[in-house]
C-alpha atoms as a PDB file:
ATOM      1  CA  MET A   1      22.742  47.396 -77.685  1.00  0.00           C
ATOM      2  CA  THR A   2      22.727  44.295 -75.453  1.00  0.00           C
ATOM      3  CA  ALA A   3      25.802  43.970 -73.224  1.00  0.00           C
ATOM      4  CA  SER A   4      28.300  41.354 -74.379  1.00  0.00           C
ATOM      5  CA  LEU A   5      29.078  38.206 -72.453  1.00  0.00           C
ATOM      6  CA  GLN A   6      32.832  38.196 -71.978  1.00  0.00           C
ATOM      7  CA  THR A   7      34.027  34.753 -70.958  1.00  0.00           C
ATOM      8  CA  ASP A   8      33.696  31.355 -72.593  1.00  0.00           C
ATOM      9  CA  ARG A   9      32.145  30.067 -69.363  1.00  0.00           C
ATOM     10  CA  GLU A  10      29.454  32.776 -69.448  1.00  0.00           C
ATOM     11  CA  ILE A  11      28.698  32.020 -73.096  1.00  0.00           C
ATOM     12  CA  GLU A  12      28.531  28.261 -72.554  1.00  0.00           C
ATOM     13  CA  TRP A  13      26.246  28.742 -69.547  1.00  0.00           C
ATOM     14  CA  LEU A  14      23.867  30.804 -71.659  1.00  0.00           C
ATOM     15  CA  LEU A  15      23.954  28.337 -74.539  1.00  0.00           C
ATOM     16  CA  SER A  16      23.434  25.296 -72.310  1.00  0.00           C
ATOM     17  CA  THR A  17      20.373  26.623 -70.486  1.00  0.00           C
ATOM     18  CA  PRO A  18      17.880  23.752 -70.900  1.00  0.00           C
ATOM     19  CA  THR A  19      14.499  24.444 -72.410  1.00  0.00           C
ATOM     20  CA  GLN A  20      11.360  23.106 -70.772  1.00  0.00           C
ATOM     21  CA  GLY A  21      11.050  20.662 -73.662  1.00  0.00           C
ATOM     22  CA  ALA A  22      14.513  19.257 -72.973  1.00  0.00           C
ATOM     23  CA  ILE A  23      13.759  18.897 -69.263  1.00  0.00           C
ATOM     24  CA  GLU A  24      10.496  17.099 -69.936  1.00  0.00           C
ATOM     25  CA  THR A  25      12.203  14.764 -72.406  1.00  0.00           C
ATOM     26  CA  VAL A  26      14.975  13.642 -70.065  1.00  0.00           C
ATOM     27  CA  ALA A  27      12.422  13.166 -67.292  1.00  0.00           C
ATOM     28  CA  ARG A  28      10.816  10.467 -69.462  1.00  0.00           C
ATOM     29  CA  LEU A  29      14.004   8.862 -70.731  1.00  0.00           C
ATOM     30  CA  THR A  30      15.534   5.793 -69.137  1.00  0.00           C
ATOM     31  CA  GLY A  31      19.230   5.010 -68.973  1.00  0.00           C
ATOM     32  CA  ASP A  32      22.455   6.988 -69.101  1.00  0.00           C
ATOM     33  CA  CYS A  33      23.524   9.371 -71.877  1.00  0.00           C
ATOM     34  CA  MET A  34      26.666   9.747 -73.973  1.00  0.00           C
ATOM     35  CA  VAL A  35      27.803  12.575 -76.260  1.00  0.00           C
ATOM     36  CA  LEU A  36      30.293  11.383 -78.868  1.00  0.00           C
ATOM     37  CA  GLY A  37      32.357  14.273 -80.205  1.00  0.00           C
ATOM     38  CA  VAL A  38      31.894  16.357 -77.080  1.00  0.00           C
ATOM     39  CA  GLY A  39      34.968  18.428 -77.930  1.00  0.00           C
ATOM     40  CA  GLY A  40      33.368  19.967 -81.022  1.00  0.00           C
ATOM     41  CA  LYS A  41      31.566  23.284 -81.393  1.00  0.00           C
ATOM     42  CA  MET A  42      28.218  21.936 -80.162  1.00  0.00           C
ATOM     43  CA  GLY A  43      29.366  18.996 -78.075  1.00  0.00           C
ATOM     44  CA  THR A  44      30.058  20.893 -74.874  1.00  0.00           C
ATOM     45  CA  THR A  45      26.737  22.741 -75.037  1.00  0.00           C
ATOM     46  CA  THR A  46      24.829  19.501 -75.613  1.00  0.00           C
ATOM     47  CA  ALA A  47      26.522  17.596 -72.789  1.00  0.00           C
ATOM     48  CA  VAL A  48      26.173  20.409 -70.246  1.00  0.00           C
ATOM     49  CA  MET A  49      22.552  21.001 -71.233  1.00  0.00           C
ATOM     50  CA  LEU A  50      21.843  17.299 -70.756  1.00  0.00           C
ATOM     51  CA  ARG A  51      23.395  17.465 -67.292  1.00  0.00           C
ATOM     52  CA  ARG A  52      21.463  20.594 -66.342  1.00  0.00           C
ATOM     53  CA  ALA A  53      18.193  19.209 -67.735  1.00  0.00           C
ATOM     54  CA  LEU A  54      18.603  15.944 -65.831  1.00  0.00           C
ATOM     55  CA  ASP A  55      19.332  17.866 -62.622  1.00  0.00           C
ATOM     56  CA  ALA A  56      16.251  20.015 -63.169  1.00  0.00           C
ATOM     57  CA  ALA A  57      14.207  16.846 -63.717  1.00  0.00           C
ATOM     58  CA  GLY A  58      15.431  15.389 -60.420  1.00  0.00           C
ATOM     59  CA  LYS A  59      17.593  12.732 -62.106  1.00  0.00           C
ATOM     60  CA  LYS A  60      20.968  13.593 -60.624  1.00  0.00           C
ATOM     61  CA  ASP A  61      22.061   9.930 -60.642  1.00  0.00           C
ATOM     62  CA  THR A  62      21.763   9.606 -64.424  1.00  0.00           C
ATOM     63  CA  VAL A  63      25.258   9.766 -65.893  1.00  0.00           C
ATOM     64  CA  VAL A  64      26.193  12.011 -68.827  1.00  0.00           C
ATOM     65  CA  THR A  65      29.473  10.983 -70.461  1.00  0.00           C
ATOM     66  CA  GLY A  66      31.339  13.152 -72.959  1.00  0.00           C
ATOM     67  CA  VAL A  67      33.734  11.395 -75.323  1.00  0.00           C
ATOM     68  CA  SER A  68      36.528  13.080 -77.273  1.00  0.00           C
ATOM     69  CA  ARG A  69      40.243  12.862 -77.889  1.00  0.00           C
ATOM     70  CA  PHE A  70      40.542  15.906 -75.564  1.00  0.00           C
ATOM     71  CA  SER A  71      43.538  17.623 -77.089  1.00  0.00           C
ATOM     72  CA  ARG A  72      42.997  20.418 -74.545  1.00  0.00           C
ATOM     73  CA  ALA A  73      43.150  19.264 -70.924  1.00  0.00           C
ATOM     74  CA  GLU A  74      41.325  22.380 -69.728  1.00  0.00           C
ATOM     75  CA  ALA A  75      38.276  21.503 -71.849  1.00  0.00           C
ATOM     76  CA  ARG A  76      38.055  18.153 -70.121  1.00  0.00           C
ATOM     77  CA  ALA A  77      38.450  19.725 -66.690  1.00  0.00           C
ATOM     78  CA  ASP A  78      35.697  22.248 -67.445  1.00  0.00           C
ATOM     79  CA  LEU A  79      33.260  19.473 -68.381  1.00  0.00           C
ATOM     80  CA  GLU A  80      34.096  17.470 -65.284  1.00  0.00           C
ATOM     81  CA  ALA A  81      33.552  20.561 -63.129  1.00  0.00           C
ATOM     82  CA  LEU A  82      30.076  20.892 -64.622  1.00  0.00           C
ATOM     83  CA  GLY A  83      29.145  17.306 -63.803  1.00  0.00           C
ATOM     84  CA  VAL A  84      29.889  15.640 -67.144  1.00  0.00           C
ATOM     85  CA  ARG A  85      31.923  12.452 -66.923  1.00  0.00           C
ATOM     86  CA  THR A  86      34.663  12.406 -69.580  1.00  0.00           C
ATOM     87  CA  LEU A  87      36.367   9.613 -71.478  1.00  0.00           C
ATOM     88  CA  SER A  88      39.236   9.995 -73.925  1.00  0.00           C
ATOM     89  CA  CYS A  89      38.754   8.023 -77.134  1.00  0.00           C
ATOM     90  CA  ASP A  90      39.890   8.173 -80.734  1.00  0.00           C
ATOM     91  CA  LEU A  91      36.663   7.241 -82.500  1.00  0.00           C
ATOM     92  CA  ALA A  92      38.646   6.240 -85.586  1.00  0.00           C
ATOM     93  CA  ASN A  93      40.186   3.434 -83.531  1.00  0.00           C
ATOM     94  CA  GLU A  94      37.768   0.494 -83.505  1.00  0.00           C
ATOM     95  CA  ALA A  95      39.317  -1.089 -80.413  1.00  0.00           C
ATOM     96  CA  GLN A  96      38.914   2.133 -78.428  1.00  0.00           C
ATOM     97  CA  VAL A  97      35.305   2.509 -79.563  1.00  0.00           C
ATOM     98  CA  ASN A  98      34.559  -1.073 -78.508  1.00  0.00           C
ATOM     99  CA  ALA A  99      35.946  -0.294 -75.043  1.00  0.00           C
ATOM    100  CA  LEU A 100      33.418   2.495 -74.454  1.00  0.00           C
ATOM    101  CA  PRO A 101      30.687   1.697 -71.923  1.00  0.00           C
ATOM    102  CA  LEU A 102      27.284   0.857 -73.357  1.00  0.00           C
ATOM    103  CA  VAL A 103      24.524   3.386 -72.666  1.00  0.00           C
ATOM    104  CA  ALA A 104      20.880   3.711 -73.627  1.00  0.00           C
ATOM    105  CA  ASN A 105      21.059   7.182 -75.194  1.00  0.00           C
ATOM    106  CA  VAL A 106      23.721   8.339 -77.654  1.00  0.00           C
ATOM    107  CA  LEU A 107      24.110  11.732 -79.301  1.00  0.00           C
ATOM    108  CA  TYR A 108      26.577  11.450 -82.171  1.00  0.00           C
ATOM    109  CA  LEU A 109      28.246  14.801 -82.901  1.00  0.00           C
ATOM    110  CA  ALA A 110      31.547  13.556 -84.311  1.00  0.00           C
ATOM    111  CA  GLY A 111      32.592  14.470 -87.822  1.00  0.00           C
ATOM    112  CA  GLN A 112      34.778  16.670 -89.960  1.00  0.00           C
ATOM    113  CA  LYS A 113      33.960  19.573 -92.267  1.00  0.00           C
ATOM    114  CA  PHE A 114      36.707  22.170 -92.333  1.00  0.00           C
ATOM    115  CA  GLY A 115      39.836  21.106 -94.205  1.00  0.00           C
ATOM    116  CA  THR A 116      37.896  18.703 -96.399  1.00  0.00           C
ATOM    117  CA  ASP A 117      39.115  20.329 -99.606  1.00  0.00           C
ATOM    118  CA  SER A 118      42.787  19.884 -98.652  1.00  0.00           C
ATOM    119  CA  ALA A 119      42.519  16.414 -97.054  1.00  0.00           C
ATOM    120  CA  PRO A 120      39.355  14.690 -98.328  1.00  0.00           C
ATOM    121  CA  GLU A 121      40.585  11.242 -97.333  1.00  0.00           C
ATOM    122  CA  VAL A 122      40.599  12.240 -93.647  1.00  0.00           C
ATOM    123  CA  THR A 123      37.040  13.515 -93.935  1.00  0.00           C
ATOM    124  CA  TRP A 124      35.928  10.220 -95.490  1.00  0.00           C
ATOM    125  CA  ILE A 125      37.481   8.312 -92.572  1.00  0.00           C
ATOM    126  CA  GLN A 126      35.855  10.530 -89.957  1.00  0.00           C
ATOM    127  CA  ASN A 127      32.451  10.732 -91.623  1.00  0.00           C
ATOM    128  CA  THR A 128      31.994   7.159 -92.873  1.00  0.00           C
ATOM    129  CA  LEU A 129      34.369   4.730 -91.133  1.00  0.00           C
ATOM    130  CA  VAL A 130      33.805   6.096 -87.621  1.00  0.00           C
ATOM    131  CA  PRO A 131      29.995   5.763 -88.000  1.00  0.00           C
ATOM    132  CA  ALA A 132      30.447   2.069 -88.825  1.00  0.00           C
ATOM    133  CA  PHE A 133      32.376   1.503 -85.589  1.00  0.00           C
ATOM    134  CA  VAL A 134      29.889   3.510 -83.505  1.00  0.00           C
ATOM    135  CA  ALA A 135      26.758   1.995 -85.056  1.00  0.00           C
ATOM    136  CA  GLN A 136      27.960  -1.525 -84.334  1.00  0.00           C
ATOM    137  CA  ARG A 137      29.122  -0.779 -80.795  1.00  0.00           C
ATOM    138  CA  PHE A 138      25.861   0.962 -79.854  1.00  0.00           C
ATOM    139  CA  ARG A 139      23.488  -1.266 -81.788  1.00  0.00           C
ATOM    140  CA  ASP A 140      21.206  -1.571 -78.744  1.00  0.00           C
ATOM    141  CA  SER A 141      21.072   2.179 -77.999  1.00  0.00           C
ATOM    142  CA  ARG A 142      18.906   4.934 -79.420  1.00  0.00           C
ATOM    143  CA  ILE A 143      21.106   7.263 -81.467  1.00  0.00           C
ATOM    144  CA  VAL A 144      20.623  10.826 -82.667  1.00  0.00           C
ATOM    145  CA  VAL A 145      23.066  11.305 -85.557  1.00  0.00           C
ATOM    146  CA  PHE A 146      24.074  14.874 -86.334  1.00  0.00           C
ATOM    147  CA  SER A 147      23.985  15.492 -90.068  1.00  0.00           C
ATOM    148  CA  THR A 148      23.615  18.620 -92.193  1.00  0.00           C
ATOM    149  CA  GLY A 149      21.334  20.429 -94.596  1.00  0.00           C
ATOM    150  CA  CYS A 150      24.207  20.201 -97.081  1.00  0.00           C
ATOM    151  CA  VAL A 151      22.972  16.714 -98.021  1.00  0.00           C
ATOM    152  CA  TYR A 152      20.203  18.454-100.005  1.00  0.00           C
ATOM    153  CA  PRO A 153      20.576  20.093-103.408  1.00  0.00           C
ATOM    154  CA  PHE A 154      20.128  23.820-103.854  1.00  0.00           C
ATOM    155  CA  VAL A 155      16.418  24.653-103.987  1.00  0.00           C
ATOM    156  CA  SER A 156      14.527  27.690-105.235  1.00  0.00           C
ATOM    157  CA  VAL A 157      14.729  30.713-102.956  1.00  0.00           C
ATOM    158  CA  THR A 158      11.063  31.404-103.649  1.00  0.00           C
ATOM    159  CA  GLY A 159       9.960  28.191-101.908  1.00  0.00           C
ATOM    160  CA  SER A 160       9.976  27.019 -98.308  1.00  0.00           C
ATOM    161  CA  GLY A 161      13.208  25.006 -98.579  1.00  0.00           C
ATOM    162  CA  ALA A 162      14.050  21.331 -98.904  1.00  0.00           C
ATOM    163  CA  SER A 163      11.798  19.043 -96.872  1.00  0.00           C
ATOM    164  CA  GLU A 164      12.813  15.663 -95.516  1.00  0.00           C
ATOM    165  CA  SER A 165      11.299  14.032 -98.609  1.00  0.00           C
ATOM    166  CA  GLU A 166      13.749  15.855-100.928  1.00  0.00           C
ATOM    167  CA  PRO A 167      16.244  13.386-102.475  1.00  0.00           C
ATOM    168  CA  VAL A 168      19.805  13.949-101.284  1.00  0.00           C
ATOM    169  CA  ALA A 169      22.503  15.315-103.578  1.00  0.00           C
ATOM    170  CA  PHE A 170      26.296  15.214-103.735  1.00  0.00           C
ATOM    171  CA  LEU A 171      27.746  18.722-104.061  1.00  0.00           C
ATOM    172  CA  GLY A 172      31.400  18.397-103.099  1.00  0.00           C
ATOM    173  CA  GLU A 173      33.388  16.010-100.923  1.00  0.00           C
ATOM    174  CA  TYR A 174      31.922  17.185 -97.622  1.00  0.00           C
ATOM    175  CA  ALA A 175      28.293  16.690 -98.638  1.00  0.00           C
ATOM    176  CA  SER A 176      29.191  13.323-100.134  1.00  0.00           C
ATOM    177  CA  THR A 177      30.738  12.117 -96.890  1.00  0.00           C
ATOM    178  CA  CYS A 178      27.716  13.377 -94.942  1.00  0.00           C
ATOM    179  CA  VAL A 179      25.418  11.332 -97.159  1.00  0.00           C
ATOM    180  CA  GLY A 180      27.837   8.459 -96.577  1.00  0.00           C
ATOM    181  CA  ARG A 181      27.545   8.906 -92.813  1.00  0.00           C
ATOM    182  CA  GLU A 182      23.765   8.712 -93.039  1.00  0.00           C
ATOM    183  CA  ARG A 183      23.935   5.656 -95.302  1.00  0.00           C
ATOM    184  CA  VAL A 184      26.307   3.790 -92.962  1.00  0.00           C
ATOM    185  CA  PHE A 185      24.192   4.472 -89.891  1.00  0.00           C
ATOM    186  CA  THR A 186      21.043   3.536 -91.807  1.00  0.00           C
ATOM    187  CA  HIS A 187      22.563   0.214 -92.880  1.00  0.00           C
ATOM    188  CA  PHE A 188      23.243  -0.791 -89.292  1.00  0.00           C
ATOM    189  CA  SER A 189      19.895   0.559 -88.104  1.00  0.00           C
ATOM    190  CA  LYS A 190      18.202  -1.819 -90.502  1.00  0.00           C
ATOM    191  CA  GLU A 191      20.543  -4.696 -89.685  1.00  0.00           C
ATOM    192  CA  PHE A 192      20.225  -4.442 -85.899  1.00  0.00           C
ATOM    193  CA  GLY A 193      16.910  -2.609 -85.529  1.00  0.00           C
ATOM    194  CA  THR A 194      18.716   0.312 -83.875  1.00  0.00           C
ATOM    195  CA  PRO A 195      16.384   3.307 -83.421  1.00  0.00           C
ATOM    196  CA  GLN A 196      18.071   6.353 -84.960  1.00  0.00           C
ATOM    197  CA  LEU A 197      17.299   9.878 -86.106  1.00  0.00           C
ATOM    198  CA  MET A 198      19.212  11.802 -88.775  1.00  0.00           C
ATOM    199  CA  TYR A 199      19.450  15.324 -87.379  1.00  0.00           C
ATOM    200  CA  ARG A 200      19.882  17.528 -90.457  1.00  0.00           C
ATOM    201  CA  LEU A 201      21.083  20.809 -88.974  1.00  0.00           C
ATOM    202  CA  ASN A 202      21.292  24.007 -90.961  1.00  0.00           C
ATOM    203  CA  TYR A 203      23.545  26.637 -89.354  1.00  0.00           C
ATOM    204  CA  ALA A 204      23.656  26.757 -85.573  1.00  0.00           C
ATOM    205  CA  VAL A 205      24.585  30.218 -84.292  1.00  0.00           C
ATOM    206  CA  GLU A 206      26.308  31.357 -81.115  1.00  0.00           C
ATOM    207  CA  LEU A 207      28.321  34.415 -80.148  1.00  0.00           C
ATOM    208  CA  ARG A 208      31.743  33.132 -81.252  1.00  0.00           C
ATOM    209  CA  TYR A 209      30.787  31.217 -84.386  1.00  0.00           C
ATOM    210  CA  GLY A 210      28.145  30.954 -87.089  1.00  0.00           C
ATOM    211  CA  VAL A 211      26.730  32.700 -90.138  1.00  0.00           C
ATOM    212  CA  LEU A 212      25.606  35.734 -88.138  1.00  0.00           C
ATOM    213  CA  VAL A 213      29.102  36.114 -86.674  1.00  0.00           C
ATOM    214  CA  ASP A 214      30.617  35.812 -90.158  1.00  0.00           C
ATOM    215  CA  ILE A 215      28.371  38.548 -91.540  1.00  0.00           C
ATOM    216  CA  ALA A 216      28.745  40.820 -88.503  1.00  0.00           C
ATOM    217  CA  THR A 217      32.547  40.646 -88.473  1.00  0.00           C
ATOM    218  CA  LYS A 218      32.741  41.408 -92.187  1.00  0.00           C
ATOM    219  CA  VAL A 219      30.524  44.451 -91.734  1.00  0.00           C
ATOM    220  CA  LEU A 220      32.498  45.629 -88.701  1.00  0.00           C
ATOM    221  CA  ARG A 221      35.847  45.258 -90.507  1.00  0.00           C
ATOM    222  CA  GLY A 222      34.658  46.832 -93.745  1.00  0.00           C
ATOM    223  CA  GLU A 223      35.055  43.581 -95.659  1.00  0.00           C
ATOM    224  CA  PRO A 224      32.697  42.682 -98.509  1.00  0.00           C
ATOM    225  CA  VAL A 225      29.720  40.436 -97.790  1.00  0.00           C
ATOM    226  CA  ASP A 226      28.987  38.158-100.742  1.00  0.00           C
ATOM    227  CA  ALA A 227      25.208  37.995-101.201  1.00  0.00           C
ATOM    228  CA  THR A 228      25.299  35.556-104.138  1.00  0.00           C
ATOM    229  CA  MET A 229      23.945  32.703-101.999  1.00  0.00           C
ATOM    230  CA  GLY A 230      20.997  34.985-101.377  1.00  0.00           C
ATOM    231  CA  TYR A 231      19.285  33.366 -98.426  1.00  0.00           C
ATOM    232  CA  LEU A 232      20.041  31.072 -95.495  1.00  0.00           C
ATOM    233  CA  ASN A 233      18.488  29.507 -92.402  1.00  0.00           C
ATOM    234  CA  CYS A 234      19.923  29.529 -88.893  1.00  0.00           C
ATOM    235  CA  ILE A 235      18.995  28.618 -85.331  1.00  0.00           C
ATOM    236  CA  TRP A 236      20.399  29.545 -81.912  1.00  0.00           C
ATOM    237  CA  GLN A 237      22.801  26.834 -80.762  1.00  0.00           C
ATOM    238  CA  GLY A 238      20.982  26.448 -77.453  1.00  0.00           C
ATOM    239  CA  ASP A 239      17.720  25.729 -79.268  1.00  0.00           C
ATOM    240  CA  ALA A 240      19.506  23.349 -81.616  1.00  0.00           C
ATOM    241  CA  CYS A 241      20.992  21.374 -78.717  1.00  0.00           C
ATOM    242  CA  ALA A 242      17.649  21.258 -76.894  1.00  0.00           C
ATOM    243  CA  ARG A 243      16.034  19.851 -80.032  1.00  0.00           C
ATOM    244  CA  ALA A 244      18.790  17.239 -80.299  1.00  0.00           C
ATOM    245  CA  ILE A 245      17.984  16.064 -76.774  1.00  0.00           C
ATOM    246  CA  GLN A 246      14.272  15.983 -77.580  1.00  0.00           C
ATOM    247  CA  CYS A 247      15.018  13.952 -80.706  1.00  0.00           C
ATOM    248  CA  LEU A 248      15.997  11.007 -78.487  1.00  0.00           C
ATOM    249  CA  GLU A 249      12.249  10.386 -78.151  1.00  0.00           C
ATOM    250  CA  HIS A 250      11.739  10.322 -81.924  1.00  0.00           C
ATOM    251  CA  THR A 251      14.259   7.735 -83.094  1.00  0.00           C
ATOM    252  CA  ALA A 252      13.088   4.893 -85.322  1.00  0.00           C
ATOM    253  CA  SER A 253      14.314   2.050 -87.502  1.00  0.00           C
ATOM    254  CA  PRO A 254      14.751   2.772 -90.388  1.00  0.00           C
ATOM    255  CA  PRO A 255      15.966   6.147 -89.128  1.00  0.00           C
ATOM    256  CA  LYS A 256      13.692   9.176 -88.976  1.00  0.00           C
ATOM    257  CA  LEU A 257      14.906  12.177 -90.980  1.00  0.00           C
ATOM    258  CA  LEU A 258      14.430  15.598 -89.420  1.00  0.00           C
ATOM    259  CA  ASN A 259      15.438  19.100 -90.513  1.00  0.00           C
ATOM    260  CA  ILE A 260      16.560  21.382 -87.696  1.00  0.00           C
ATOM    261  CA  THR A 261      16.822  25.120 -88.265  1.00  0.00           C
ATOM    262  CA  GLY A 262      14.954  28.330 -87.613  1.00  0.00           C
ATOM    263  CA  PRO A 263      11.576  29.174 -89.131  1.00  0.00           C
ATOM    264  CA  GLU A 264      12.754  32.163 -91.188  1.00  0.00           C
ATOM    265  CA  LYS A 265      14.292  32.334 -94.652  1.00  0.00           C
ATOM    266  CA  LEU A 266      16.877  35.061 -94.116  1.00  0.00           C
ATOM    267  CA  SER A 267      18.237  37.443 -96.721  1.00  0.00           C
ATOM    268  CA  ILE A 268      22.026  37.776 -96.524  1.00  0.00           C
ATOM    269  CA  ARG A 269      21.758  41.322 -97.860  1.00  0.00           C
ATOM    270  CA  ALA A 270      19.165  42.270 -95.234  1.00  0.00           C
ATOM    271  CA  LEU A 271      21.266  40.720 -92.447  1.00  0.00           C
ATOM    272  CA  ALA A 272      24.313  42.718 -93.544  1.00  0.00           C
ATOM    273  CA  GLU A 273      22.250  45.894 -93.561  1.00  0.00           C
ATOM    274  CA  GLU A 274      20.835  45.099 -90.106  1.00  0.00           C
ATOM    275  CA  PHE A 275      24.314  44.584 -88.673  1.00  0.00           C
ATOM    276  CA  GLY A 276      25.374  47.804 -90.380  1.00  0.00           C
ATOM    277  CA  ARG A 277      22.715  49.697 -88.416  1.00  0.00           C
ATOM    278  CA  ARG A 278      23.693  48.097 -85.126  1.00  0.00           C
ATOM    279  CA  LEU A 279      27.439  48.469 -85.671  1.00  0.00           C
ATOM    280  CA  GLN A 280      27.222  51.923 -87.257  1.00  0.00           C
ATOM    281  CA  ARG A 281      28.928  50.774 -90.423  1.00  0.00           C
ATOM    282  CA  THR A 282      27.920  50.889 -94.071  1.00  0.00           C
ATOM    283  CA  PRO A 283      28.073  47.282 -95.259  1.00  0.00           C
ATOM    284  CA  ILE A 284      29.881  46.470 -98.491  1.00  0.00           C
ATOM    285  CA  ILE A 285      27.646  43.983-100.283  1.00  0.00           C
ATOM    286  CA  THR A 286      28.780  42.224-103.443  1.00  0.00           C
ATOM    287  CA  GLY A 287      27.192  39.755-105.833  1.00  0.00           C
ATOM    288  CA  ASN A 288      23.680  39.267-107.089  1.00  0.00           C
ATOM    289  CA  GLU A 289      21.327  36.847-105.384  1.00  0.00           C
ATOM    290  CA  ALA A 290      21.199  33.455-107.119  1.00  0.00           C
ATOM    291  CA  PRO A 291      17.802  31.854-107.771  1.00  0.00           C
ATOM    292  CA  ALA A 292      18.659  28.772-105.664  1.00  0.00           C
ATOM    293  CA  ALA A 293      20.365  28.175-102.317  1.00  0.00           C
ATOM    294  CA  TRP A 294      20.865  25.676 -99.509  1.00  0.00           C
ATOM    295  CA  LEU A 295      17.590  26.105 -97.618  1.00  0.00           C
ATOM    296  CA  SER A 296      15.718  23.713 -95.334  1.00  0.00           C
ATOM    297  CA  ASP A 297      12.042  23.422 -94.496  1.00  0.00           C
ATOM    298  CA  ALA A 298      11.908  22.837 -90.727  1.00  0.00           C
ATOM    299  CA  SER A 299       8.122  22.680 -90.430  1.00  0.00           C
ATOM    300  CA  GLU A 300       8.180  19.076 -89.178  1.00  0.00           C
ATOM    301  CA  SER A 301      10.509  19.931 -86.285  1.00  0.00           C
ATOM    302  CA  MET A 302       8.410  23.022 -85.544  1.00  0.00           C
ATOM    303  CA  HIS A 303       5.389  20.734 -85.331  1.00  0.00           C
ATOM    304  CA  LEU A 304       7.220  18.437 -82.906  1.00  0.00           C
ATOM    305  CA  PHE A 305       8.959  21.004 -80.722  1.00  0.00           C
ATOM    306  CA  GLY A 306       7.362  24.382 -81.365  1.00  0.00           C
ATOM    307  CA  ALA A 307       9.201  27.546 -82.358  1.00  0.00           C
ATOM    308  CA  PRO A 308      12.777  28.096 -81.100  1.00  0.00           C
ATOM    309  CA  GLU A 309      12.962  30.076 -77.883  1.00  0.00           C
ATOM    310  CA  MET A 310      15.636  32.508 -79.088  1.00  0.00           C
ATOM    311  CA  PRO A 311      14.174  35.018 -81.580  1.00  0.00           C
ATOM    312  CA  LEU A 312      16.217  36.277 -84.513  1.00  0.00           C
ATOM    313  CA  ALA A 313      16.268  39.900 -83.305  1.00  0.00           C
ATOM    314  CA  LYS A 314      17.864  38.897 -80.015  1.00  0.00           C
ATOM    315  CA  MET A 315      20.427  36.704 -81.785  1.00  0.00           C
ATOM    316  CA  ILE A 316      21.416  39.689 -83.911  1.00  0.00           C
ATOM    317  CA  ASP A 317      21.635  41.911 -80.808  1.00  0.00           C
ATOM    318  CA  LEU A 318      23.813  39.422 -78.940  1.00  0.00           C
ATOM    319  CA  VAL A 319      26.162  38.822 -81.866  1.00  0.00           C
ATOM    320  CA  ALA A 320      26.491  42.528 -82.643  1.00  0.00           C
ATOM    321  CA  ALA A 321      27.317  43.321 -79.021  1.00  0.00           C
ATOM    322  CA  HIS A 322      29.867  40.528 -78.853  1.00  0.00           C
ATOM    323  CA  VAL A 323      31.794  41.351 -82.019  1.00  0.00           C
ATOM    324  CA  SER A 324      31.697  45.127 -81.420  1.00  0.00           C
ATOM    325  CA  SER A 325      33.211  44.672 -77.952  1.00  0.00           C
ATOM    326  CA  GLY A 326      36.057  42.556 -79.299  1.00  0.00           C
ATOM    327  CA  GLY A 327      34.712  39.322 -77.853  1.00  0.00           C
ATOM    328  CA  ALA A 328      36.647  36.128 -78.539  1.00  0.00           C
ATOM    329  CA  LEU A 329      35.771  34.237 -81.724  1.00  0.00           C
ATOM    330  CA  LEU A 330      36.460  30.623 -82.668  1.00  0.00           C
ATOM    331  CA  GLY A 331      38.056  31.689 -85.948  1.00  0.00           C
ATOM    332  CA  LYS A 332      36.223  29.122 -88.059  1.00  0.00           C
ATOM    333  CA  PRO A 333      34.246  30.780 -90.855  1.00  0.00           C
ATOM    334  CA  THR A 334      31.220  28.788 -91.995  1.00  0.00           C
ATOM    335  CA  HIS A 335      31.900  29.515 -95.692  1.00  0.00           C
ATOM    336  CA  PHE A 336      28.189  30.187 -96.143  1.00  0.00           C
ATOM    337  CA  GLU A 337      29.071  31.848 -99.446  1.00  0.00           C
ATOM    338  CA  ALA A 338      30.447  28.637-100.982  1.00  0.00           C
ATOM    339  CA  ARG A 339      28.328  27.343-103.856  1.00  0.00           C
ATOM    340  CA  ASP A 340      30.744  24.601-104.925  1.00  0.00           C
ATOM    341  CA  GLY A 341      30.560  22.461-101.760  1.00  0.00           C
ATOM    342  CA  LYS A 342      34.247  23.074-100.942  1.00  0.00           C
ATOM    343  CA  PHE A 343      35.124  23.676 -97.288  1.00  0.00           C
END
């Protein structure tokens, strides 16, 4: 089994390794970059990868700014140490957003998912009001807006997944607010001609978080794995962040829609069995596979960027090694089993 990476710094360094595609993209871009929501699960990886890609492209003078409320001072210090300029801002405060410096390239990773069921009003503020402030402030920038595959309805597990032409649906408060986020950004894209891209991500995976971690930890602990959802898609977080950077070259007005995930349709049952082999456990699998699930067709992004660099087998190896060695986890289950849209 692959040796586990032990520290958060080691994991982030692995995740933020820029792909050749990301390096080539930033070499062509003009202007500085800003990551809004840099304190989230993918924000740090994206900002550090941008910095490393720019350095590799010989553009050390291009500034990468990470914006967050920074509730943890050490997170801010870590980013600064890695060459990312940081600014503290409550994006729900319009005056603070309007005080942010204007930049040419914006990656919007802010938003709320977990806790939506208990405080839906907060999720609506974060996922619809904040986009209005940001879209108006950065009307002259190109913006990649992180969204989710949850905006789609369940589709048949026998097909290739929902393509970008699939009409959106409203399953639960979270998905509704995500559609709202897209609608708000789209309104201002049309009003101001702002080039944007709706980055519809379906399950980014790293060693401390993600659907593979959820399944692996359940198998390791002897907890049941619910296979009712049947199938899912996922992509290594490093590949997902590299694609986000590359998407800066594909913004448009009205916004371009793009599904981002891995090429495989993965069986939850088969994943549990695979982790069982690696972890020397007999998985407890419950439920019968439903005929429909949240699945995305990422063929358009594969056409633009090629296949992800991290293969599924290596992701499984890395996750299995990490959880079996007692590696730190973020403690935020994805709730991949949820079929009611409640998070």
